[in-house]
């Protein structure tokens, strides 16, 4: 089954302010006049509408399918998924439309909240409510910065060029009948992202936004989590100073460290926070069917009997066996029920007998464990390991290969079952970039990074998509796609082009 969420075009998904407020859901409002009359209304909308709209599953699914993270499993795969896996990418590709629409959906929710907040007389609020008001805005603007960073990364041909064409810029709730927005230069989008981040970093405070017992990491509970959003943005942009400052702050002010051993395993089962800076709370179906993250690759459960549609690519699996003393990621990411061909790749039927079941999202456990939770986990948005790898990448750009090696070494030592530490001595930027890409491939697999990592670093590293011949049932197909290929920028969806005469398509489409 095709796993696509928010597949409607931008102008079908993003309603006018009035329309959005007329759709009554938990935490939403049913009339503009009564929409935001108190800080509590803002809080309900943030918790009931803005946070639940954050949905990276389209990015995670597309990335795993298009790059070298998965191969065909023993169960059925749809024709459209086969085409995407075989590098067919155009303006009708559902995943491209879904990534576009879901991130503009986030932006529109934030814009509704920011617009509605203007109806409240800030000066008349109590001291505590003033803090809460400002903190709600801080969270909302940080989330908008995240969404725009994602759009820029996928749809701009080059985030490092401020004059390259970016995406549509919207700071008001969108009116479906009048808003036909053009794409603008990256620099214009960057200005909004940086204003949002600066506001959030300056004004974040510890006033409580949540109700009940939601784990702290499921909100931007510390300024360090906003530093992490900023670090990724500035790294994508190639701003070394700000990427380093924010990645360092995310590490040093979070009170978190790289997880190892059972803590690392528990982090993926949602039994411990570990090194998570921000994750999305997905405890039950009330937050949407897309909370079943493991269903992107399997049907019923994350074991060999779960009707596995896609399994882990063989080359990716092999990379998880290279650390001295063993790699904790191998038993955490791969289910023990997986079947391995002892003679791979020379056995009688290597593709059929070698099924490496993806278990990075093993389902809820503890008090939340049940039959309905076996495919459901919180979605890990930012972790400490990504910050280390950002610092490594920045160090290479600054010509400091020794520091780059130390940052990668720290991640590998934490992931080694024996705590082994092997010195890394890079002799060229290309070697360093290739090794950073290798570690990001291991560490961040099935989290939606590989496509953008190849787009950003593949050419400099001399690395492209790297598949095993048995990741597909057709052994004559190309096993690689160079990072210079135009398909490492997504097409603007056809529905958007048909509805919006002002929009411009990306090259190659």
Protein backbone atom coordinates (compact mmCIF):
# COMPACT_ATOMS: atom_id res chain seq x y z
CA UNK A 1 0.00 0.00 0.00
CA UNK A 2 1.24 3.46 -0.80
CA UNK A 3 2.31 5.25 2.39
CA UNK A 4 1.60 8.92 1.65
CA UNK A 5 0.20 11.50 4.02
CA UNK A 6 -1.27 14.90 3.12
CA UNK A 7 -1.22 14.10 -0.60
CA UNK A 8 -3.55 16.96 -1.53
CA UNK A 9 -1.99 19.95 -3.21
CA UNK A 10 -1.01 23.00 -1.18
CA UNK A 11 -4.07 24.97 -2.20
CA UNK A 12 -6.39 22.15 -1.28
CA UNK A 13 -4.75 21.51 2.08
CA UNK A 14 -4.14 25.05 3.26
CA UNK A 15 -7.45 26.67 3.91
CA UNK A 16 -8.29 30.25 4.66
CA UNK A 17 -8.14 31.45 8.25
CA UNK A 18 -11.93 31.29 8.53
CA UNK A 19 -12.10 27.83 7.00
CA UNK A 20 -9.34 26.51 9.24
CA UNK A 21 -11.06 27.84 12.32
CA UNK A 22 -14.37 26.32 11.26
CA UNK A 23 -12.91 22.81 11.24
CA UNK A 24 -13.38 21.88 14.88
CA UNK A 25 -10.82 19.47 16.26
CA UNK A 26 -9.29 19.04 19.67
CA UNK A 27 -7.51 22.28 20.44
CA UNK A 28 -9.01 24.17 17.50
CA UNK A 29 -11.51 27.02 17.44
CA UNK A 30 -14.82 27.36 15.61
CA UNK A 31 -15.10 31.09 14.86
CA UNK A 32 -12.61 33.85 14.18
CA UNK A 33 -14.20 36.23 16.65
CA UNK A 34 -14.08 33.68 19.46
CA UNK A 35 -10.91 32.06 18.19
CA UNK A 36 -8.29 33.43 20.55
CA UNK A 37 -9.68 35.27 23.53
CA UNK A 38 -7.15 34.03 26.07
CA UNK A 39 -3.67 32.57 26.40
CA UNK A 40 -5.36 29.26 27.16
CA UNK A 41 -6.90 29.32 23.67
CA UNK A 42 -3.43 29.82 22.20
CA UNK A 43 -2.12 26.96 24.30
CA UNK A 44 -4.91 24.63 23.15
CA UNK A 45 -4.27 25.49 19.52
CA UNK A 46 -0.52 24.92 19.87
CA UNK A 47 -1.04 21.54 21.55
CA UNK A 48 -4.09 20.42 19.60
CA UNK A 49 -3.27 21.71 16.12
CA UNK A 50 0.29 22.97 15.61
CA UNK A 51 2.27 20.19 17.28
CA UNK A 52 0.14 17.37 15.80
CA UNK A 53 0.61 18.86 12.31
CA UNK A 54 4.36 18.21 12.43
CA UNK A 55 4.65 15.06 10.35
CA UNK A 56 7.99 13.98 8.81
CA UNK A 57 6.81 10.51 7.80
CA UNK A 58 6.58 11.47 4.14
CA UNK A 59 10.22 12.54 4.21
CA UNK A 60 11.26 9.39 6.06
CA UNK A 61 9.39 7.09 3.70
CA UNK A 62 10.50 8.78 0.49
CA UNK A 63 14.11 8.88 1.60
CA UNK A 64 14.21 5.20 2.53
CA UNK A 65 12.57 4.19 -0.75
CA UNK A 66 14.48 6.43 -3.17
CA UNK A 67 17.97 6.00 -1.75
CA UNK A 68 19.77 2.90 -0.50
CA UNK A 69 18.09 2.18 2.82
CA UNK A 70 15.60 -0.51 1.78
CA UNK A 71 15.11 -3.39 -0.60
CA UNK A 72 11.97 -5.25 -1.61
CA UNK A 73 10.72 -7.56 1.11
CA UNK A 74 8.77 -10.81 0.70
CA UNK A 75 5.32 -9.14 0.72
CA UNK A 76 3.75 -7.14 -2.06
CA UNK A 77 4.96 -3.71 -3.16
CA UNK A 78 2.80 -1.27 -5.12
CA UNK A 79 3.63 -0.25 -8.68
CA UNK A 80 4.10 3.37 -7.66
CA UNK A 81 6.52 2.36 -4.91
CA UNK A 82 8.46 0.25 -7.40
CA UNK A 83 8.79 3.27 -9.69
CA UNK A 84 10.02 5.50 -6.88
CA UNK A 85 12.52 2.84 -5.81
CA UNK A 86 13.74 2.71 -9.40
CA UNK A 87 14.47 6.46 -9.41
CA UNK A 88 11.34 7.52 -11.30
CA UNK A 89 10.65 10.99 -9.97
CA UNK A 90 8.43 13.64 -11.54
CA UNK A 91 5.79 16.22 -10.73
CA UNK A 92 3.13 13.53 -10.24
CA UNK A 93 5.16 11.57 -7.67
CA UNK A 94 2.93 11.37 -4.61
CA UNK A 95 5.75 11.71 -2.07
CA UNK A 96 6.89 15.01 -3.60
CA UNK A 97 3.37 16.40 -3.28
CA UNK A 98 3.04 15.07 0.26
CA UNK A 99 6.27 16.62 1.55
CA UNK A 100 5.29 19.96 0.00
CA UNK A 101 1.76 19.96 1.37
CA UNK A 102 2.48 18.63 4.86
CA UNK A 103 5.13 21.27 5.57
CA UNK A 104 2.93 24.09 4.28
CA UNK A 105 0.19 22.67 6.48
CA UNK A 106 2.50 23.18 9.48
CA UNK A 107 3.28 26.72 8.34
CA UNK A 108 -0.38 27.59 7.92
CA UNK A 109 -1.22 26.29 11.39
CA UNK A 110 1.53 28.47 12.85
CA UNK A 111 0.36 31.47 10.85
CA UNK A 112 -3.18 31.00 12.18
CA UNK A 113 -1.85 30.93 15.72
CA UNK A 114 0.34 33.99 15.26
CA UNK A 115 -2.54 35.90 13.65
CA UNK A 116 -4.94 34.88 16.40
CA UNK A 117 -2.49 35.89 19.12
CA UNK A 118 -2.83 39.49 17.96
CA UNK A 119 -6.43 39.46 19.22
CA UNK A 120 -5.20 39.15 22.80
CA UNK A 121 -4.22 42.24 24.79
CA UNK A 122 -0.75 41.26 25.96
CA UNK A 123 -0.45 44.22 28.36
CA UNK A 124 -3.53 43.13 30.30
CA UNK A 125 -2.13 39.67 31.03
CA UNK A 126 -0.78 38.52 34.36
CA UNK A 127 2.97 38.07 34.69
CA UNK A 128 2.66 34.29 34.37
CA UNK A 129 0.41 34.53 31.33
CA UNK A 130 2.80 36.95 29.67
CA UNK A 131 5.52 34.33 30.00
CA UNK A 132 3.18 31.65 28.66
CA UNK A 133 2.08 33.87 25.75
CA UNK A 134 5.68 34.52 24.71
CA UNK A 135 6.66 30.88 25.10
CA UNK A 136 3.77 29.73 22.91
CA UNK A 137 4.93 32.11 20.19
CA UNK A 138 8.51 30.89 20.63
CA UNK A 139 7.49 27.26 20.11
CA UNK A 140 5.30 28.12 17.12
CA UNK A 141 7.98 30.17 15.39
CA UNK A 142 10.64 27.51 15.98
CA UNK A 143 8.31 24.94 14.39
CA UNK A 144 7.73 27.24 11.40
CA UNK A 145 11.50 27.59 11.01
CA UNK A 146 11.75 23.79 11.00
CA UNK A 147 9.09 23.49 8.27
CA UNK A 148 10.65 26.14 6.04
CA UNK A 149 14.10 24.55 6.47
CA UNK A 150 12.64 21.24 5.32
CA UNK A 151 10.98 22.80 2.27
CA UNK A 152 14.14 24.67 1.31
CA UNK A 153 16.26 21.56 1.66
CA UNK A 154 14.03 19.51 -0.64
CA UNK A 155 12.86 22.04 -3.23
CA UNK A 156 15.66 24.59 -3.60
CA UNK A 157 18.41 23.45 -5.95
CA UNK A 158 21.11 24.87 -3.67
CA UNK A 159 20.55 26.07 -0.11
CA UNK A 160 24.08 27.44 -0.01
CA UNK A 161 23.21 30.01 -2.70
CA UNK A 162 21.12 32.88 -1.29
CA UNK A 163 20.11 33.90 -4.82
CA UNK A 164 18.90 30.46 -5.87
CA UNK A 165 15.16 29.94 -6.18
CA UNK A 166 13.58 28.92 -2.90
CA UNK A 167 9.98 28.15 -2.02
CA UNK A 168 6.80 30.14 -1.51
CA UNK A 169 6.88 32.54 1.43
CA UNK A 170 3.73 32.80 3.52
CA UNK A 171 3.38 34.60 6.86
CA UNK A 172 -0.42 34.92 6.82
CA UNK A 173 -3.17 32.29 6.95
CA UNK A 174 -3.68 31.32 3.31
CA UNK A 175 -6.87 32.13 1.45
CA UNK A 176 -7.46 29.41 -1.14
CA UNK A 177 -9.31 31.81 -3.46
CA UNK A 178 -6.80 34.66 -3.59
CA UNK A 179 -3.33 33.38 -2.66
CA UNK A 180 -1.28 32.34 -5.68
CA UNK A 181 2.18 32.80 -4.31
CA UNK A 182 5.38 32.77 -6.38
CA UNK A 183 8.60 31.15 -5.28
CA UNK A 184 11.12 33.63 -3.90
CA UNK A 185 14.88 33.68 -3.54
CA UNK A 186 16.45 31.64 -0.77
CA UNK A 187 17.57 34.84 0.93
CA UNK A 188 13.97 35.92 1.50
CA UNK A 189 13.05 32.59 3.08
CA UNK A 190 16.27 32.61 5.11
CA UNK A 191 15.35 36.02 6.53
CA UNK A 192 12.10 34.61 7.93
CA UNK A 193 13.72 31.42 9.23
CA UNK A 194 16.41 33.39 11.01
CA UNK A 195 13.93 35.87 12.47
CA UNK A 196 11.85 32.98 13.78
CA UNK A 197 14.88 31.25 15.27
CA UNK A 198 16.19 34.42 16.84
CA UNK A 199 12.83 35.13 18.43
CA UNK A 200 12.54 31.59 19.73
CA UNK A 201 16.07 31.48 21.11
CA UNK A 202 15.75 34.89 22.74
CA UNK A 203 12.29 34.46 24.23
CA UNK A 204 12.05 30.76 25.11
CA UNK A 205 11.21 30.27 28.77
CA UNK A 206 10.28 27.38 31.01
CA UNK A 207 6.59 28.19 31.44
CA UNK A 208 4.62 24.96 31.15
CA UNK A 209 2.81 24.49 27.83
CA UNK A 210 1.57 20.98 28.40
CA UNK A 211 -1.14 19.23 30.32
CA UNK A 212 -0.96 15.76 31.76
CA UNK A 213 2.12 13.55 31.71
CA UNK A 214 3.53 14.13 28.24
CA UNK A 215 7.28 13.34 28.28
CA UNK A 216 9.41 16.49 28.26
CA UNK A 217 11.25 15.63 25.04
CA UNK A 218 7.98 15.62 23.11
CA UNK A 219 7.96 19.41 23.24
CA UNK A 220 10.71 21.93 22.66
CA UNK A 221 11.25 21.65 26.39
CA UNK A 222 14.67 23.29 26.51
CA UNK A 223 16.26 26.01 24.49
CA UNK A 224 18.77 23.34 23.43
CA UNK A 225 16.10 21.73 21.24
CA UNK A 226 15.65 25.03 19.39
CA UNK A 227 19.44 25.26 19.11
CA UNK A 228 19.24 21.88 17.36
CA UNK A 229 16.70 23.19 14.82
CA UNK A 230 18.99 26.16 14.21
CA UNK A 231 22.10 23.97 13.92
CA UNK A 232 20.55 21.86 11.15
CA UNK A 233 19.34 24.94 9.30
CA UNK A 234 22.67 26.74 9.44
CA UNK A 235 24.53 23.57 8.49
CA UNK A 236 22.33 23.09 5.42
CA UNK A 237 22.93 26.74 4.57
CA UNK A 238 26.69 26.41 4.97
CA UNK A 239 26.94 29.00 7.76
CA UNK A 240 29.81 27.49 9.75
CA UNK A 241 29.82 29.95 12.64
CA UNK A 242 26.14 29.65 13.49
CA UNK A 243 25.99 25.91 12.81
CA UNK A 244 28.88 25.33 15.24
CA UNK A 245 27.49 27.71 17.87
CA UNK A 246 24.05 26.11 17.88
CA UNK A 247 25.19 22.48 17.66
CA UNK A 248 27.59 23.08 20.54
CA UNK A 249 24.85 24.77 22.59
CA UNK A 250 22.46 21.88 21.89
CA UNK A 251 25.02 19.46 23.32
CA UNK A 252 26.35 21.46 26.25
CA UNK A 253 23.11 23.00 27.55
CA UNK A 254 20.80 20.01 27.10
CA UNK A 255 22.22 17.93 29.97
CA UNK A 256 22.17 15.04 27.50
CA UNK A 257 24.99 12.92 26.14
CA UNK A 258 25.49 10.28 23.48
CA UNK A 259 23.56 7.17 24.48
CA UNK A 260 25.16 3.75 24.63
CA UNK A 261 24.12 0.15 25.21
CA UNK A 262 20.71 -0.45 26.77
CA UNK A 263 19.99 3.27 26.98
CA UNK A 264 20.32 3.52 23.21
CA UNK A 265 17.97 0.56 22.74
CA UNK A 266 15.45 1.94 25.22
CA UNK A 267 15.41 5.26 23.41
CA UNK A 268 13.97 3.59 20.29
CA UNK A 269 11.38 1.68 22.36
CA UNK A 270 10.31 4.96 24.02
CA UNK A 271 11.20 3.68 27.49
CA UNK A 272 13.95 6.24 28.06
CA UNK A 273 14.78 9.67 26.71
CA UNK A 274 18.42 8.89 26.03
CA UNK A 275 19.94 11.53 23.77
CA UNK A 276 16.68 12.80 22.26
CA UNK A 277 16.50 16.58 21.98
CA UNK A 278 13.02 16.58 20.45
CA UNK A 279 10.65 13.82 19.47
CA UNK A 280 6.98 13.75 18.49
CA UNK A 281 4.57 12.18 20.95
CA UNK A 282 2.55 9.55 19.10
CA UNK A 283 0.90 7.43 21.81
CA UNK A 284 -2.45 6.63 20.19
CA UNK A 285 -4.60 6.99 17.12
CA UNK A 286 -6.01 10.34 18.25
CA UNK A 287 -2.90 11.99 16.82
CA UNK A 288 -3.40 10.38 13.43
CA UNK A 289 -2.96 7.03 11.69
CA UNK A 290 0.49 8.19 10.57
CA UNK A 291 1.72 7.60 14.12
CA UNK A 292 2.25 3.97 13.01
CA UNK A 293 5.74 4.71 11.78
CA UNK A 294 6.82 1.08 11.39
CA UNK A 295 3.98 0.54 8.89
CA UNK A 296 6.07 2.43 6.35
CA UNK A 297 7.99 -0.80 5.79
CA UNK A 298 5.91 -3.62 7.24
CA UNK A 299 2.25 -4.49 7.67
CA UNK A 300 1.45 -6.13 11.00
CA UNK A 301 4.59 -6.26 13.14
CA UNK A 302 8.32 -5.69 12.94
CA UNK A 303 9.27 -9.35 12.67
CA UNK A 304 9.56 -11.89 9.89
CA UNK A 305 5.87 -12.82 10.22
CA UNK A 306 4.66 -9.23 9.94
CA UNK A 307 4.17 -9.18 6.14
CA UNK A 308 7.36 -7.24 5.40
CA UNK A 309 7.00 -4.97 2.37
CA UNK A 310 10.52 -3.52 2.55
CA UNK A 311 13.53 -4.81 4.42
CA UNK A 312 16.86 -3.20 5.18
CA UNK A 313 19.18 -2.80 2.20
CA UNK A 314 21.94 -5.40 2.36
CA UNK A 315 24.77 -2.85 2.08
CA UNK A 316 23.36 -0.77 4.91
CA UNK A 317 23.13 -3.89 7.06
CA UNK A 318 26.74 -4.78 6.28
CA UNK A 319 27.85 -1.33 7.45
CA UNK A 320 26.34 -2.04 10.88
CA UNK A 321 28.86 -4.85 11.41
CA UNK A 322 32.06 -2.89 10.97
CA UNK A 323 32.77 -1.41 14.41
CA UNK A 324 35.35 -3.18 16.59
CA UNK A 325 33.60 -5.00 19.42
CA UNK A 326 30.27 -4.92 17.61
CA UNK A 327 27.75 -2.16 16.92
CA UNK A 328 24.74 -1.64 19.19
CA UNK A 329 22.80 -0.39 16.17
CA UNK A 330 22.77 -3.82 14.54
CA UNK A 331 20.66 -5.63 17.18
CA UNK A 332 18.58 -2.47 17.77
CA UNK A 333 17.76 -1.73 14.13
CA UNK A 334 17.40 -5.36 12.92
CA UNK A 335 14.81 -7.77 14.33
CA UNK A 336 16.15 -11.06 15.65
CA UNK A 337 13.67 -13.01 13.50
CA UNK A 338 15.41 -11.86 10.30
CA UNK A 339 16.58 -14.62 7.99
CA UNK A 340 20.09 -14.57 6.57
CA UNK A 341 21.41 -16.54 3.61
CA UNK A 342 24.67 -18.13 4.81
CA UNK A 343 25.97 -18.12 1.24
CA UNK A 344 24.87 -14.58 0.38
CA UNK A 345 25.07 -13.37 -2.35
CA UNK A 346 25.81 -16.72 -3.98
CA UNK A 347 22.98 -18.78 -2.51
CA UNK A 348 20.22 -20.33 -4.57
CA UNK A 349 17.74 -17.49 -3.91
CA UNK A 350 19.56 -14.71 -2.06
CA UNK A 351 16.84 -12.07 -2.31
CA UNK A 352 14.12 -14.36 -1.00
CA UNK A 353 16.16 -16.06 1.73
CA UNK A 354 17.86 -12.91 3.01
CA UNK A 355 15.17 -10.83 4.74
CA UNK A 356 16.58 -8.19 7.10
CA UNK A 357 13.58 -6.93 9.07
CA UNK A 358 13.71 -3.25 10.06
CA UNK A 359 13.13 -2.89 13.80
CA UNK A 360 14.34 0.65 14.49
CA UNK A 361 10.77 1.43 15.56
CA UNK A 362 9.86 -1.68 17.60
CA UNK A 363 6.52 -0.42 18.89
CA UNK A 364 5.46 0.98 22.23
CA UNK A 365 6.39 -0.96 25.32
CA UNK A 366 5.80 -0.72 29.05
CA UNK A 367 2.43 0.72 30.07
CA UNK A 368 1.62 1.64 26.47
CA UNK A 369 2.35 -1.79 25.01
CA UNK A 370 -0.58 -3.49 23.29
CA UNK A 371 -1.48 -5.09 20.00
CA UNK A 372 -2.38 -1.67 18.59
CA UNK A 373 1.00 -0.22 19.57
CA UNK A 374 3.31 -2.68 17.86
CA UNK A 375 3.89 -0.34 14.89
CA UNK A 376 3.78 2.91 16.83
CA UNK A 377 6.67 4.92 18.26
CA UNK A 378 7.48 8.53 18.94
CA UNK A 379 9.24 10.12 15.99
CA UNK A 380 12.78 11.20 16.79
CA UNK A 381 13.30 14.65 15.31
CA UNK A 382 16.69 15.75 16.68
CA UNK A 383 19.30 13.83 18.64
CA UNK A 384 22.71 14.57 20.16
CA UNK A 385 24.48 12.34 17.61
CA UNK A 386 23.30 14.56 14.75
CA UNK A 387 24.84 17.55 16.53
CA UNK A 388 28.21 15.77 16.73
CA UNK A 389 28.05 14.95 13.03
CA UNK A 390 27.12 18.54 12.20
CA UNK A 391 30.20 19.68 14.12
CA UNK A 392 32.29 17.20 12.12
CA UNK A 393 30.93 18.54 8.86
CA UNK A 394 31.59 22.14 9.87
CA UNK A 395 35.14 21.25 10.91
CA UNK A 396 35.87 19.87 7.44
CA UNK A 397 34.58 23.07 5.83
CA UNK A 398 36.86 25.02 8.16
CA UNK A 399 39.87 22.88 7.22
CA UNK A 400 40.14 21.24 10.67
CA UNK A 401 40.25 17.55 9.72
CA UNK A 402 41.52 16.50 13.16
CA UNK A 403 38.46 17.91 14.94
CA UNK A 404 36.19 16.35 12.32
CA UNK A 405 37.71 12.97 13.12
CA UNK A 406 37.22 13.45 16.86
CA UNK A 407 33.52 14.24 16.41
CA UNK A 408 32.89 11.13 14.30
CA UNK A 409 35.02 9.05 16.68
CA UNK A 410 32.83 10.08 19.61
CA UNK A 411 29.70 8.74 17.91
CA UNK A 412 31.39 5.48 16.96
CA UNK A 413 32.72 4.93 20.45
CA UNK A 414 29.23 5.40 21.91
CA UNK A 415 27.80 2.91 19.44
CA UNK A 416 30.50 0.28 19.95
CA UNK A 417 29.24 -2.54 22.17
CA UNK A 418 32.73 -2.78 23.63
CA UNK A 419 33.20 0.98 23.93
CA UNK A 420 36.10 0.67 21.54
CA UNK A 421 37.70 3.87 20.28
CA UNK A 422 39.63 3.87 17.04
CA UNK A 423 41.61 6.92 15.96
CA UNK A 424 40.46 8.65 12.78
CA UNK A 425 43.01 10.50 10.68
CA UNK A 426 41.58 12.17 7.60
CA UNK A 427 44.01 13.25 4.92
CA UNK A 428 41.65 15.13 2.60
CA UNK A 429 38.25 16.85 2.71
CA UNK A 430 36.84 14.28 0.29
CA UNK A 431 37.84 11.41 2.58
CA UNK A 432 36.38 13.22 5.58
CA UNK A 433 33.08 14.00 3.87
CA UNK A 434 32.79 10.40 2.68
CA UNK A 435 33.35 9.10 6.22
CA UNK A 436 30.86 11.55 7.72
CA UNK A 437 28.33 10.43 5.13
CA UNK A 438 29.09 6.83 6.09
CA UNK A 439 28.44 7.51 9.77
CA UNK A 440 25.29 9.50 9.02
CA UNK A 441 24.12 6.59 6.87
CA UNK A 442 24.48 4.22 9.81
CA UNK A 443 23.31 6.48 12.61
CA UNK A 444 20.43 8.33 10.95
CA UNK A 445 18.99 5.60 8.73
CA UNK A 446 15.18 5.52 8.56
CA UNK A 447 15.00 9.02 10.05
CA UNK A 448 14.70 10.88 6.73
CA UNK A 449 18.27 12.15 6.27
CA UNK A 450 19.96 10.09 3.54
CA UNK A 451 18.42 11.84 0.49
CA UNK A 452 19.36 15.31 1.72
CA UNK A 453 22.76 14.13 2.95
CA UNK A 454 23.63 12.88 -0.53
CA UNK A 455 22.30 16.08 -2.05
CA UNK A 456 24.41 18.20 0.29
CA UNK A 457 27.63 16.17 0.55
CA UNK A 458 27.56 13.50 -2.14
CA UNK A 459 29.45 15.40 -4.82
CA UNK A 460 32.18 16.59 -2.43
CA UNK A 461 32.49 13.07 -1.02
CA UNK A 462 32.35 11.29 -4.37
CA UNK A 463 29.39 9.27 -3.08
CA UNK A 464 25.95 8.53 -4.56
CA UNK A 465 23.16 6.05 -3.93
CA UNK A 466 24.83 2.72 -3.15
CA UNK A 467 22.55 -0.30 -3.41
CA UNK A 468 23.01 -4.05 -3.38
CA UNK A 469 22.02 -5.92 -6.54
CA UNK A 470 19.32 -7.80 -4.59
CA UNK A 471 17.59 -4.68 -3.24
CA UNK A 472 15.36 -5.00 -6.31
CA UNK A 473 13.93 -8.05 -8.04
CA UNK A 474 15.41 -6.84 -11.35
CA UNK A 475 19.18 -7.35 -11.26
CA UNK A 476 19.78 -5.33 -14.43
CA UNK A 477 18.79 -1.99 -12.90
CA UNK A 478 21.32 0.71 -11.92
CA UNK A 479 22.59 0.32 -8.36
CA UNK A 480 23.62 3.94 -7.96
CA UNK A 481 22.48 7.44 -8.73
CA UNK A 482 25.11 10.22 -8.63
CA UNK A 483 24.47 13.01 -6.17
CA UNK A 484 24.77 15.49 -9.04
CA UNK A 485 21.59 14.15 -10.63
CA UNK A 486 18.73 16.66 -10.92
CA UNK A 487 16.49 14.25 -9.01
CA UNK A 488 18.24 15.25 -5.79
CA UNK A 489 15.95 18.26 -5.84
CA UNK A 490 12.27 17.43 -5.66
CA UNK A 491 9.81 18.61 -8.32
CA UNK A 492 7.13 21.12 -7.49
CA UNK A 493 3.93 19.00 -7.45
CA UNK A 494 1.79 19.11 -10.59
CA UNK A 495 -1.33 19.98 -8.58
CA UNK A 496 0.45 23.06 -7.29
CA UNK A 497 1.54 24.09 -10.78
CA UNK A 498 -1.96 23.60 -12.18
CA UNK A 499 -3.51 25.67 -9.39
CA UNK A 500 -0.87 28.38 -9.21
CA UNK A 501 0.17 30.23 -12.39
CA UNK A 502 2.91 32.04 -10.44
CA UNK A 503 4.86 28.93 -9.47
CA UNK A 504 8.05 27.86 -11.26
CA UNK A 505 9.13 24.24 -11.73
CA UNK A 506 12.61 22.96 -10.87
CA UNK A 507 15.13 22.07 -13.61
CA UNK A 508 14.83 18.62 -15.15
CA UNK A 509 11.09 18.28 -14.66
